[in-house]
Amino acid sequence: MRLTVLVIFVGLAAVSGASFAETLPAQEDFTFRRIKPPVQGQKRITVQIDPAEQARRLASYPDVKERAEKTVLDPVTKPDGSTSMPVAPSAPVANASYGWFWDKVPTTIAARDGRFPIALATLSQGPGGSAVSAPRLQTMQEIATKYGTNILAATIGTEVSPALVLAVMGIESGGRVDAVSSAGAQGLMQLIPDTAKRFGVSDSMDAAQNIKGGVDYLDWLMKTFDRDPLMVLAAYNAGEGAVQANAGVPPYAETRDYVPKVLAAWQVAQGLCMTPPELVTDPCVFRILSASN
């Protein structure tokens, strides 16, 4: 039986994807010839590829590389006018204790309409009737008694409710002026050194300075995130860059727990105001100060 060997030079590799196919150069004509099988005892037929010809052909094809989609991030403008780039989006690192809260409350910046009242109502709708833990009323009263005057003075002329400051302080430090976190945050409002410097705090262990710096930061975040309470709180915990990079509440377990905890503290703080504020920008005069006056 005679064997016919067909040698074909293949000009193009099979490629999937319609868009790629449209960019391929026109295929060149090819020729073939029949080669008889070698007589027994002779060398086998070999097929050789001309390296120069191969390089020429490959160079004519479009460069196909995998490209990861990149999120274009806008720089963050700081109070001093300088800018910095926000961090890149991050994947969840752990399950938050209050993950159920975020099953009902949207996390994106865009979904702000009606979110605040939904968030407050969700605080008590945990599995099996559970709720987000809030600071004790007595603890909040003690903080308001000791630092209420500083809080009221710091919030004058800002868009930050004294009740919100009290809530943040209750969660951040529990009213301890000498509190220091493992991350280096200091004082009543737990300012990290960079934030303290940004807002003119020279001594984070000084109660008045620390409160003023924390309020100024909250006020700046209010303007940056258009008075969106959840984004402001998320940014206070994780940094404004993390919120912008993730287009919402970052998927950090700590931040996902921090936001509902401050909201729960806000509800306690509301009850300490002569006229309970409805919004985190509303004024508040603490009952304890009113009674003392």
Protein backbone atom coordinates (compact mmCIF):
# COMPACT_ATOMS: atom_id res chain seq x y z
CA MET A 1 0.00 0.00 0.00
CA ARG A 2 1.35 3.42 -0.93
CA LEU A 3 1.28 6.13 1.73
CA THR A 4 0.90 9.76 0.74
CA VAL A 5 2.12 12.34 3.23
CA LEU A 6 0.47 15.73 3.00
CA VAL A 7 2.63 18.54 4.36
CA ILE A 8 0.73 21.75 4.95
CA PHE A 9 2.13 24.94 6.40
CA VAL A 10 -0.56 26.28 8.71
CA GLY A 11 -0.62 30.07 8.47
CA LEU A 12 -2.90 30.96 11.33
CA ALA A 13 -3.72 29.37 14.71
CA ALA A 14 -7.35 28.90 15.66
CA VAL A 15 -8.41 31.77 17.85
CA SER A 16 -11.69 32.28 19.72
CA GLY A 17 -13.40 35.65 19.91
CA ALA A 18 -15.15 37.51 17.14
CA SER A 19 -13.44 40.83 17.86
CA PHE A 20 -10.02 39.24 17.57
CA ALA A 21 -10.95 37.52 14.31
CA GLU A 22 -11.86 40.85 12.77
CA THR A 23 -8.35 42.16 13.39
CA LEU A 24 -6.53 39.23 11.78
CA PRO A 25 -4.58 39.96 8.60
CA ALA A 26 -5.76 38.42 5.35
CA GLN A 27 -4.65 34.81 5.05
CA GLU A 28 -1.90 34.13 2.54
CA ASP A 29 -2.23 31.52 -0.17
CA PHE A 30 -0.38 28.30 0.52
CA THR A 31 0.78 25.43 -1.63
CA PHE A 32 1.32 21.81 -0.91
CA ARG A 33 3.14 18.96 -2.58
CA ARG A 34 2.98 15.25 -2.26
CA ILE A 35 5.99 13.45 -0.89
CA LYS A 36 6.43 9.73 -1.28
CA PRO A 37 7.23 7.75 1.84
CA PRO A 38 10.93 6.89 2.20
CA VAL A 39 12.22 3.54 1.16
CA GLN A 40 12.85 1.23 4.06
CA GLY A 41 16.27 1.93 5.52
CA GLN A 42 16.37 5.59 4.47
CA LYS A 43 16.01 8.57 6.83
CA ARG A 44 12.55 9.66 7.82
CA ILE A 45 10.95 12.78 6.41
CA THR A 46 11.52 15.85 8.57
CA VAL A 47 9.58 19.10 8.53
CA GLN A 48 11.59 22.22 9.20
CA ILE A 49 10.32 25.68 10.08
CA ASP A 50 12.21 28.72 8.97
CA PRO A 51 12.66 30.83 12.18
CA ALA A 52 12.79 34.10 10.27
CA GLU A 53 9.61 33.29 8.38
CA GLN A 54 7.86 32.23 11.58
CA ALA A 55 8.86 35.48 13.34
CA ARG A 56 7.63 37.53 10.39
CA ARG A 57 4.24 35.87 10.41
CA LEU A 58 3.78 36.08 14.18
CA ALA A 59 4.68 39.76 14.14
CA SER A 60 1.82 40.43 11.73
CA TYR A 61 -0.79 39.11 14.16
CA PRO A 62 -2.37 41.33 16.82
CA ASP A 63 -0.79 41.25 20.28
CA VAL A 64 -3.18 39.27 22.45
CA LYS A 65 -2.54 39.64 26.16
CA GLU A 66 -4.73 39.28 29.19
CA ARG A 67 -5.39 42.68 30.67
CA ALA A 68 -6.92 43.06 34.09
CA GLU A 69 -9.60 45.70 34.22
CA LYS A 70 -8.46 48.65 36.25
CA THR A 71 -10.65 50.97 38.25
CA VAL A 72 -9.85 54.58 37.56
CA LEU A 73 -9.69 56.31 40.92
CA ASP A 74 -9.99 60.03 41.47
CA PRO A 75 -7.46 61.64 43.79
CA VAL A 76 -8.63 62.64 47.26
CA THR A 77 -8.28 66.34 48.06
CA LYS A 78 -7.15 66.96 51.62
CA PRO A 79 -7.99 70.03 53.74
CA ASP A 80 -4.59 71.58 53.05
CA GLY A 81 -5.22 71.41 49.29
CA SER A 82 -2.90 68.49 48.64
CA THR A 83 -4.12 65.30 47.01
CA SER A 84 -3.49 61.61 47.43
CA MET A 85 -4.64 58.56 45.51
CA PRO A 86 -7.16 56.30 47.24
CA VAL A 87 -6.32 52.69 47.88
CA ALA A 88 -7.40 49.99 45.45
CA PRO A 89 -10.62 48.01 46.02
CA SER A 90 -10.25 45.10 48.39
CA ALA A 91 -11.97 41.76 48.76
CA PRO A 92 -13.63 40.76 52.04
CA VAL A 93 -11.08 39.46 54.53
CA ALA A 94 -13.48 37.97 57.07
CA ASN A 95 -17.12 37.70 58.02
CA ALA A 96 -18.45 40.65 59.98
CA SER A 97 -20.40 39.98 63.17
CA TYR A 98 -23.19 42.14 61.81
CA GLY A 99 -23.13 40.84 58.27
CA TRP A 100 -26.90 40.39 58.48
CA PHE A 101 -27.23 44.17 58.78
CA TRP A 102 -25.74 44.62 55.32
CA ASP A 103 -28.06 42.01 53.85
CA LYS A 104 -30.79 44.66 54.19
CA VAL A 105 -28.81 47.89 53.96
CA PRO A 106 -27.21 48.76 50.58
CA THR A 107 -23.49 49.47 50.72
CA THR A 108 -22.87 51.57 47.61
CA ILE A 109 -22.48 55.33 47.52
CA ALA A 110 -25.12 55.55 44.80
CA ALA A 111 -27.82 53.85 46.90
CA ARG A 112 -28.13 56.63 49.46
CA ASP A 113 -31.80 57.59 48.99
CA GLY A 114 -33.82 56.43 52.00
CA ARG A 115 -30.91 54.37 53.34
CA PHE A 116 -30.45 56.12 56.71
CA PRO A 117 -33.92 55.32 58.13
CA ILE A 118 -33.66 51.79 56.76
CA ALA A 119 -30.30 51.38 58.48
CA LEU A 120 -31.66 52.60 61.81
CA ALA A 121 -34.66 50.26 61.58
CA THR A 122 -32.43 47.31 60.67
CA LEU A 123 -30.34 47.65 63.84
CA SER A 124 -32.93 45.61 65.76
CA GLN A 125 -33.73 43.09 63.03
CA GLY A 126 -30.97 40.55 63.56
CA PRO A 127 -31.36 36.76 63.45
CA GLY A 128 -33.60 35.41 66.18
CA GLY A 129 -34.60 38.87 67.32
CA SER A 130 -31.02 39.96 68.02
CA ALA A 131 -29.86 43.55 67.65
CA VAL A 132 -26.67 45.53 67.19
CA SER A 133 -25.00 46.10 70.54
CA ALA A 134 -25.14 49.69 71.80
CA PRO A 135 -23.19 51.43 74.58
CA ARG A 136 -24.86 51.59 77.98
CA LEU A 137 -26.91 54.72 78.62
CA GLN A 138 -24.96 55.42 81.80
CA THR A 139 -21.65 55.29 79.92
CA MET A 140 -22.92 57.76 77.34
CA GLN A 141 -24.25 60.05 80.07
CA GLU A 142 -20.88 60.06 81.78
CA ILE A 143 -19.10 60.95 78.53
CA ALA A 144 -21.61 63.75 77.83
CA THR A 145 -21.19 65.09 81.37
CA LYS A 146 -17.41 65.15 81.13
CA TYR A 147 -16.88 66.25 77.54
CA GLY A 148 -20.22 67.73 76.47
CA THR A 149 -18.97 71.32 76.63
CA ASN A 150 -15.98 70.47 74.41
CA ILE A 151 -18.26 68.67 71.97
CA LEU A 152 -20.68 71.59 71.71
CA ALA A 153 -17.84 74.09 71.25
CA ALA A 154 -16.19 71.98 68.55
CA THR A 155 -19.39 71.50 66.54
CA ILE A 156 -20.34 75.19 66.33
CA GLY A 157 -20.37 76.21 62.67
CA THR A 158 -20.06 72.63 61.40
CA GLU A 159 -22.44 70.15 59.81
CA VAL A 160 -21.85 67.63 62.59
CA SER A 161 -24.43 66.95 65.29
CA PRO A 162 -23.05 66.80 68.84
CA ALA A 163 -25.02 63.56 69.19
CA LEU A 164 -23.00 62.03 66.34
CA VAL A 165 -19.73 63.08 67.99
CA LEU A 166 -20.87 61.48 71.24
CA ALA A 167 -21.81 58.29 69.37
CA VAL A 168 -18.44 58.10 67.60
CA MET A 169 -16.60 58.77 70.85
CA GLY A 170 -18.61 56.12 72.66
CA ILE A 171 -17.55 53.46 70.15
CA GLU A 172 -14.03 54.70 69.46
CA SER A 173 -12.73 55.13 73.00
CA GLY A 174 -15.58 54.66 75.45
CA GLY A 175 -14.72 58.11 76.79
CA ARG A 176 -11.09 57.27 77.63
CA VAL A 177 -8.88 60.24 76.88
CA ASP A 178 -5.73 58.08 77.00
CA ALA A 179 -7.03 55.32 74.71
CA VAL A 180 -4.49 54.01 72.17
CA SER A 181 -5.32 51.35 69.58
CA SER A 182 -3.04 48.69 68.14
CA ALA A 183 -3.02 50.72 64.90
CA GLY A 184 -1.73 53.81 66.71
CA ALA A 185 -5.02 55.75 66.90
CA GLN A 186 -5.09 57.99 69.95
CA GLY A 187 -7.43 59.77 72.31
CA LEU A 188 -11.17 60.21 72.64
CA MET A 189 -11.85 60.30 68.89
CA GLN A 190 -9.05 57.83 68.08
CA LEU A 191 -7.11 59.97 65.63
CA ILE A 192 -4.22 58.37 63.80
CA PRO A 193 -1.12 60.61 63.65
CA ASP A 194 -1.64 61.52 59.98
CA THR A 195 -5.24 62.60 60.57
CA ALA A 196 -4.28 64.52 63.70
CA LYS A 197 -1.65 66.40 61.71
CA ARG A 198 -4.07 67.12 58.86
CA PHE A 199 -6.49 68.81 61.24
CA GLY A 200 -4.04 70.71 63.39
CA VAL A 201 -3.94 68.46 66.46
CA SER A 202 -0.55 68.70 68.15
CA ASP A 203 -1.46 66.66 71.24
CA SER A 204 -3.96 63.84 70.69
CA MET A 205 -4.08 63.17 74.42
CA ASP A 206 -5.51 66.63 75.03
CA ALA A 207 -9.28 66.16 75.19
CA ALA A 208 -10.25 69.51 73.65
CA GLN A 209 -7.75 69.20 70.78
CA ASN A 210 -8.68 65.60 70.06
CA ILE A 211 -12.40 66.32 69.99
CA LYS A 212 -11.88 69.37 67.77
CA GLY A 213 -9.73 67.35 65.37
CA GLY A 214 -12.27 64.52 65.24
CA VAL A 215 -15.14 66.94 64.63
CA ASP A 216 -13.22 68.74 61.88
CA TYR A 217 -12.54 65.41 60.21
CA LEU A 218 -16.21 64.41 60.44
CA ASP A 219 -17.22 67.80 59.04
CA TRP A 220 -14.81 67.36 56.13
CA LEU A 221 -16.20 63.88 55.47
CA MET A 222 -19.74 65.30 55.54
CA LYS A 223 -18.81 67.64 52.71
CA THR A 224 -16.84 64.97 50.85
CA PHE A 225 -19.67 62.42 50.92
CA ASP A 226 -22.59 64.84 50.65
CA ARG A 227 -23.79 64.30 54.25
CA ASP A 228 -24.29 60.57 53.75
CA PRO A 229 -24.09 59.19 57.32
CA LEU A 230 -23.05 55.65 56.40
CA MET A 231 -20.30 56.75 54.03
CA VAL A 232 -19.04 59.30 56.57
CA LEU A 233 -18.80 56.67 59.31
CA ALA A 234 -17.22 54.10 56.99
CA ALA A 235 -14.63 56.68 55.92
CA TYR A 236 -13.93 57.69 59.52
CA ASN A 237 -13.05 54.06 60.25
CA ALA A 238 -11.41 52.88 57.03
CA GLY A 239 -10.33 56.15 55.43
CA GLU A 240 -11.99 58.17 52.70
CA GLY A 241 -9.77 56.56 50.07
CA ALA A 242 -11.07 53.08 50.88
CA VAL A 243 -14.67 54.24 50.54
CA GLN A 244 -14.01 55.91 47.20
CA ALA A 245 -12.04 52.95 45.88
CA ASN A 246 -14.85 50.55 46.75
CA ALA A 247 -17.60 52.98 45.69
CA GLY A 248 -19.21 52.38 49.07
CA VAL A 249 -18.64 50.76 52.44
CA PRO A 250 -15.39 48.76 52.15
CA PRO A 251 -15.74 44.99 52.67
CA TYR A 252 -13.62 45.05 55.81
CA ALA A 253 -15.10 43.14 58.73
CA GLU A 254 -14.11 45.89 61.16
CA THR A 255 -15.77 48.62 59.09
CA ARG A 256 -18.88 46.53 58.41
CA ASP A 257 -19.27 46.17 62.20
CA TYR A 258 -18.21 49.71 63.07
CA VAL A 259 -20.91 51.50 61.08
CA PRO A 260 -23.94 49.77 62.68
CA LYS A 261 -22.36 50.05 66.14
CA VAL A 262 -22.02 53.83 65.81
CA LEU A 263 -25.59 54.04 64.51
CA ALA A 264 -26.75 52.12 67.59
CA ALA A 265 -24.77 54.55 69.76
CA TRP A 266 -26.38 57.42 67.84
CA GLN A 267 -29.81 56.21 68.94
CA VAL A 268 -28.64 56.28 72.56
CA ALA A 269 -27.13 59.74 72.10
CA GLN A 270 -30.37 61.06 70.60
CA GLY A 271 -32.10 60.41 73.91
CA LEU A 272 -29.58 62.60 75.72
CA CYS A 273 -30.50 65.69 73.69
CA MET A 274 -33.11 68.23 74.79
CA THR A 275 -34.57 67.94 71.30
CA PRO A 276 -33.58 64.61 69.75
CA PRO A 277 -31.91 65.24 66.37
CA GLU A 278 -33.28 63.41 63.35
CA LEU A 279 -30.29 63.92 61.08
CA VAL A 280 -26.58 63.60 61.81
CA THR A 281 -26.24 67.28 60.94
CA ASP A 282 -28.90 68.49 63.41
CA PRO A 283 -27.97 70.49 66.53
CA CYS A 284 -28.24 69.02 70.02
CA VAL A 285 -28.00 70.37 73.55
CA PHE A 286 -27.34 67.58 76.02
CA ARG A 287 -29.88 67.32 78.82
CA ILE A 288 -27.15 66.95 81.38
CA LEU A 289 -25.63 70.32 80.42
CA SER A 290 -29.02 71.98 80.39
CA ALA A 291 -29.74 70.70 83.89
CA SER A 292 -26.37 71.89 85.19
CA ASN A 293 -26.92 75.34 83.71
